[in-house]
Amino acid sequence: SAEHRRDFTLVLKGVIALSSTRFPRGTKSPMLDAIARAPIWAGGIDYGHGTGHGVGYFLNVHEGPQSISCFAQPEPYTAMEPGMITSIEPGIYRPGKWGIRIENLVLNRDAESTEFGQFLRFETLTLCPIDSRCIDAALLRADEIVWLDGYHATVRARLLPHVSGAAKTWLLARTQPLQASDSVSRA
């Protein structure tokens, strides 16, 4: 439905907004939460969970110390530093209808140094296509389409050498550039 595509697109806009942000090294992790929520709030919607959390490698899915959440404990807030792996997972949940969450893992990387200090950026680690059949492309800005097409190009380039047959056909279909399709919002 149009409402479902709208909700999916708003969640995607939240993922893109936070995934593409630059922020000063040492930023307290909860400060980043509103970046992902802003496109969803603009639609008059909110979600009742944090936007992201640290991800460990010793079987702890929720492993800090960072938490991108407006619900985080007041202190101590953890500063974002290079090398941290964090989830980005905004969502929209309509009881009795659907729940939509797009979740990617990101790695904090050095970005640039300026007269205002060292900045960080996120490198997306998750390599799974985002289903463009659920997107209302009319709601995306040009820079958001560029981000999505770039993400899909990375997914395709990294995974294509490892698949064949039906999996290859599926991957190629699901990572087509959104710019090339004018029927995405009606799919």
Protein backbone atom coordinates (compact mmCIF):
# COMPACT_ATOMS: atom_id res chain seq x y z
CA SER A 1 0.00 0.00 0.00
CA ALA A 2 1.01 3.64 -0.29
CA GLU A 3 1.12 3.93 3.51
CA HIS A 4 3.47 0.94 3.77
CA ARG A 5 5.80 2.34 1.09
CA ARG A 6 5.75 5.74 2.83
CA ASP A 7 6.66 4.18 6.19
CA PHE A 8 9.41 2.07 4.62
CA THR A 9 10.81 5.12 2.84
CA LEU A 10 10.80 7.22 6.02
CA VAL A 11 12.73 4.48 7.84
CA LEU A 12 15.18 4.31 4.93
CA LYS A 13 15.61 8.09 5.07
CA GLY A 14 16.51 7.72 8.76
CA VAL A 15 19.11 5.06 7.94
CA ILE A 16 20.60 7.20 5.18
CA ALA A 17 20.64 10.36 7.34
CA LEU A 18 22.60 8.73 10.14
CA SER A 19 24.77 6.54 7.91
CA SER A 20 25.97 9.53 5.92
CA THR A 21 26.54 11.96 8.78
CA ARG A 22 29.91 13.35 9.84
CA PHE A 23 30.42 14.14 13.51
CA PRO A 24 33.23 15.31 15.78
CA ARG A 25 35.34 12.60 17.39
CA GLY A 26 34.25 12.32 20.99
CA THR A 27 30.58 13.07 20.25
CA LYS A 28 28.45 11.46 22.94
CA SER A 29 26.64 8.58 21.25
CA PRO A 30 23.05 9.51 22.31
CA MET A 31 23.43 12.84 20.49
CA LEU A 32 23.28 10.97 17.16
CA ASP A 33 19.83 9.47 17.82
CA ALA A 34 17.83 12.47 16.57
CA ILE A 35 19.60 12.39 13.19
CA ALA A 36 17.90 9.09 12.30
CA ARG A 37 14.60 10.10 13.88
CA ALA A 38 14.29 13.47 12.09
CA PRO A 39 12.87 12.13 8.78
CA ILE A 40 10.45 9.92 10.71
CA TRP A 41 9.42 12.76 13.02
CA ALA A 42 8.83 14.90 9.92
CA GLY A 43 6.12 12.36 9.03
CA GLY A 44 4.51 12.72 12.48
CA ILE A 45 5.76 9.29 13.57
CA ASP A 46 8.18 8.01 16.24
CA TYR A 47 9.49 4.67 17.48
CA GLY A 48 9.92 3.46 21.03
CA HIS A 49 13.45 2.10 21.00
CA GLY A 50 16.96 3.36 20.61
CA THR A 51 18.36 3.87 17.14
CA GLY A 52 21.53 1.87 17.67
CA HIS A 53 23.88 0.13 20.05
CA GLY A 54 27.37 -1.23 20.20
CA VAL A 55 27.88 -4.66 18.68
CA GLY A 56 30.41 -7.03 20.17
CA TYR A 57 32.29 -9.97 18.83
CA PHE A 58 32.03 -12.19 21.91
CA LEU A 59 28.41 -13.20 21.26
CA ASN A 60 26.95 -10.06 22.82
CA VAL A 61 24.71 -8.47 20.22
CA HIS A 62 24.07 -5.46 22.46
CA GLU A 63 27.55 -4.65 23.65
CA GLY A 64 28.54 -1.16 24.58
CA PRO A 65 29.72 0.98 25.66
CA GLN A 66 28.05 3.18 22.99
CA SER A 67 24.30 3.55 22.62
CA ILE A 68 22.64 5.72 19.99
CA SER A 69 19.48 6.21 21.95
CA CYS A 70 17.36 8.97 23.43
CA PHE A 71 16.58 6.38 26.14
CA ALA A 72 20.23 5.96 27.20
CA GLN A 73 21.08 6.35 30.87
CA PRO A 74 21.88 9.98 31.72
CA GLU A 75 25.53 9.30 32.53
CA PRO A 76 28.06 8.18 31.66
CA TYR A 77 27.63 8.80 27.96
CA THR A 78 30.21 7.12 25.78
CA ALA A 79 32.18 9.14 23.28
CA MET A 80 32.20 7.83 19.71
CA GLU A 81 35.72 6.78 18.74
CA PRO A 82 37.28 5.15 15.64
CA GLY A 83 36.93 1.38 15.46
CA MET A 84 33.59 1.07 17.26
CA ILE A 85 30.96 -1.10 15.57
CA THR A 86 27.42 0.16 16.05
CA SER A 87 23.98 -0.73 14.72
CA ILE A 88 21.75 1.79 12.98
CA GLU A 89 18.17 0.53 13.20
CA PRO A 90 15.29 3.00 13.10
CA GLY A 91 11.79 1.64 12.61
CA ILE A 92 8.08 2.29 12.32
CA TYR A 93 5.57 -0.05 13.97
CA ARG A 94 1.83 0.09 13.30
CA PRO A 95 0.03 -2.35 15.62
CA GLY A 96 -2.10 -4.81 13.68
CA LYS A 97 -0.56 -3.70 10.37
CA TRP A 98 3.23 -3.99 10.17
CA GLY A 99 6.57 -3.27 11.66
CA ILE A 100 9.40 -1.94 9.56
CA ARG A 101 13.01 -1.82 10.68
CA ILE A 102 16.08 -1.45 8.49
CA GLU A 103 19.21 -2.43 10.39
CA ASN A 104 22.78 -2.01 9.26
CA LEU A 105 26.03 -2.32 11.15
CA VAL A 106 28.53 0.49 10.77
CA LEU A 107 32.16 1.03 11.70
CA ASN A 108 33.39 4.38 13.02
CA ARG A 109 36.13 5.64 10.71
CA ASP A 110 38.26 8.76 10.68
CA ALA A 111 36.88 11.33 8.26
CA GLU A 112 38.65 14.67 8.07
CA SER A 113 40.52 16.98 10.39
CA THR A 114 39.56 20.62 10.34
CA GLU A 115 40.32 23.65 12.45
CA PHE A 116 37.43 22.39 14.64
CA GLY A 117 39.03 19.00 15.29
CA GLN A 118 38.93 15.43 14.06
CA PHE A 119 35.67 14.22 12.51
CA LEU A 120 34.36 10.68 12.14
CA ARG A 121 32.11 9.01 9.60
CA PHE A 122 30.36 5.66 9.41
CA GLU A 123 31.42 2.88 7.05
CA THR A 124 28.50 0.52 6.42
CA LEU A 125 29.46 -3.10 7.05
CA THR A 126 26.15 -4.79 6.23
CA LEU A 127 26.01 -6.23 2.71
CA CYS A 128 22.33 -6.88 2.09
CA PRO A 129 20.20 -5.16 -0.54
CA ILE A 130 17.47 -2.81 0.65
CA ASP A 131 14.27 -3.83 -1.12
CA SER A 132 13.55 -1.01 -3.55
CA ARG A 133 10.09 -2.44 -4.30
CA CYS A 134 9.03 -1.00 -0.92
CA ILE A 135 10.34 2.50 -1.63
CA ASP A 136 8.31 5.53 -2.65
CA ALA A 137 11.05 7.16 -4.72
CA ALA A 138 9.11 10.44 -4.86
CA LEU A 139 9.90 10.91 -1.15
CA LEU A 140 13.67 10.63 -1.63
CA ARG A 141 15.95 13.57 -2.32
CA ALA A 142 18.62 13.25 -5.01
CA ASP A 143 21.41 12.82 -2.43
CA GLU A 144 19.47 10.01 -0.74
CA ILE A 145 19.07 8.21 -4.08
CA VAL A 146 22.81 8.64 -4.70
CA TRP A 147 23.51 7.11 -1.26
CA LEU A 148 21.19 4.14 -1.91
CA ASP A 149 22.59 3.51 -5.39
CA GLY A 150 26.14 3.69 -3.99
CA TYR A 151 25.24 1.28 -1.20
CA HIS A 152 23.73 -1.18 -3.70
CA ALA A 153 26.77 -0.85 -5.98
CA THR A 154 29.00 -1.80 -3.03
CA VAL A 155 26.76 -4.75 -2.11
CA ARG A 156 26.79 -5.95 -5.73
CA ALA A 157 30.56 -5.55 -6.18
CA ARG A 158 31.41 -7.29 -2.92
CA LEU A 159 28.94 -10.20 -3.19
CA LEU A 160 28.73 -10.90 -6.93
CA PRO A 161 32.04 -12.83 -7.06
CA HIS A 162 30.65 -15.25 -4.45
CA VAL A 163 27.29 -16.17 -6.01
CA SER A 164 26.04 -17.81 -9.19
CA GLY A 165 22.84 -18.99 -10.82
CA ALA A 166 19.58 -17.90 -9.20
CA ALA A 167 21.41 -16.11 -6.37
CA LYS A 168 23.36 -14.04 -8.90
CA THR A 169 20.19 -13.19 -10.83
CA TRP A 170 18.45 -12.18 -7.59
CA LEU A 171 21.40 -10.03 -6.45
CA LEU A 172 21.61 -8.23 -9.79
CA ALA A 173 17.86 -7.52 -9.75
CA ARG A 174 17.83 -6.27 -6.14
CA THR A 175 20.82 -3.95 -6.53
CA GLN A 176 19.75 -2.08 -9.66
CA PRO A 177 20.20 1.68 -9.39
CA LEU A 178 17.06 3.44 -8.23
CA GLN A 179 17.83 6.32 -10.61
CA ALA A 180 17.38 3.95 -13.54
CA SER A 181 13.84 3.06 -12.53
CA ASP A 182 10.89 5.42 -12.70
CA SER A 183 8.42 2.74 -11.62
CA VAL A 184 9.94 1.92 -8.23
CA SER A 185 7.25 3.71 -6.22
CA ARG A 186 4.54 1.76 -8.07
CA ALA A 187 6.19 -1.67 -7.90
